[in-house]
Amino acid sequence: MTEMVVDIQSLPEMLFSRVPTKKVKVHENNGTITLTPFYEEKPRFDHLVGIFSDGKMSVDKFLEKKRQEVELEL
């Protein structure tokens, strides 16, 4: 039982035209070869909203806090 990811350009045109992704996962089990479209996970930035990743302080709140600190120093 082996598994690998290959570029679809290495496949014959008959298979290449039917795959919606740029890569496929090739899985072999007991002489049967299975091609599965391989979707690469793109980096997500939605969990980094605001200054801190835990979401306790937004960018706007952070900037307002910094403005207040500058005013207190003057």
Protein backbone atom coordinates (compact mmCIF):
# COMPACT_ATOMS: atom_id res chain seq x y z
CA MET A 1 0.00 0.00 0.00
CA THR A 2 1.81 3.10 -1.25
CA GLU A 3 0.72 6.68 -1.72
CA MET A 4 2.28 9.68 -3.49
CA VAL A 5 1.31 13.04 -4.97
CA VAL A 6 2.17 13.71 -8.60
CA ASP A 7 1.70 16.59 -11.02
CA ILE A 8 -1.12 16.01 -13.51
CA GLN A 9 1.18 16.99 -16.39
CA SER A 10 2.81 13.58 -15.95
CA LEU A 11 -0.48 11.81 -16.74
CA PRO A 12 -1.71 10.91 -20.22
CA GLU A 13 -4.00 13.54 -21.81
CA MET A 14 -7.02 11.24 -21.44
CA LEU A 15 -6.67 11.40 -17.63
CA PHE A 16 -5.20 14.90 -17.48
CA SER A 17 -8.31 16.50 -19.02
CA ARG A 18 -10.61 14.97 -16.38
CA VAL A 19 -8.77 16.14 -13.28
CA PRO A 20 -9.85 19.53 -11.88
CA THR A 21 -6.66 20.07 -9.83
CA LYS A 22 -2.97 20.54 -10.64
CA LYS A 23 -1.93 17.48 -8.63
CA VAL A 24 -3.36 14.05 -7.89
CA LYS A 25 -2.80 11.59 -5.09
CA VAL A 26 -1.85 8.16 -6.42
CA HIS A 27 -2.80 5.31 -4.09
CA GLU A 28 -2.02 1.66 -4.79
CA ASN A 29 -3.68 -1.14 -2.83
CA ASN A 30 -3.57 -4.81 -3.83
CA GLY A 31 -2.86 -4.00 -7.48
CA THR A 32 -5.59 -1.36 -7.75
CA ILE A 33 -4.41 2.18 -8.49
CA THR A 34 -6.64 5.05 -7.43
CA LEU A 35 -6.17 8.67 -8.56
CA THR A 36 -7.69 11.29 -6.25
CA PRO A 37 -7.62 15.06 -6.91
CA PHE A 38 -5.19 16.67 -4.47
CA TYR A 39 -6.30 20.01 -3.06
CA GLU A 40 -3.43 21.90 -1.48
CA GLU A 41 -4.46 23.77 1.64
CA LYS A 42 -3.84 27.46 1.26
CA PRO A 43 -2.60 29.43 4.23
CA ARG A 44 -5.43 30.98 6.21
CA PHE A 45 -5.13 34.41 7.73
CA ASP A 46 -8.67 34.78 9.05
CA HIS A 47 -7.59 33.57 12.49
CA LEU A 48 -5.13 36.48 12.76
CA VAL A 49 -7.77 39.21 12.99
CA GLY A 50 -6.58 42.16 15.04
CA ILE A 51 -3.23 42.48 16.78
CA PHE A 52 -3.46 39.28 18.79
CA SER A 53 -4.46 35.92 17.41
CA ASP A 54 -6.68 35.21 20.43
CA GLY A 55 -8.97 38.08 19.34
CA LYS A 56 -9.01 39.88 22.70
CA MET A 57 -7.90 43.19 21.21
CA SER A 58 -8.67 44.55 17.76
CA VAL A 59 -6.35 46.76 15.76
CA ASP A 60 -8.61 49.76 16.38
CA LYS A 61 -8.57 49.23 20.15
CA PHE A 62 -4.80 48.80 20.12
CA LEU A 63 -4.28 52.04 18.16
CA GLU A 64 -6.66 53.95 20.45
CA LYS A 65 -4.77 52.68 23.49
CA LYS A 66 -1.48 53.83 21.97
CA ARG A 67 -2.95 57.29 21.19
CA GLN A 68 -4.07 57.61 24.80
CA GLU A 69 -0.60 56.64 26.05
CA VAL A 70 0.99 59.32 23.85
CA GLU A 71 -1.47 61.95 25.14
CA LEU A 72 -0.68 61.01 28.76
CA GLU A 73 3.03 61.40 28.11
CA LEU A 74 2.55 64.98 26.85
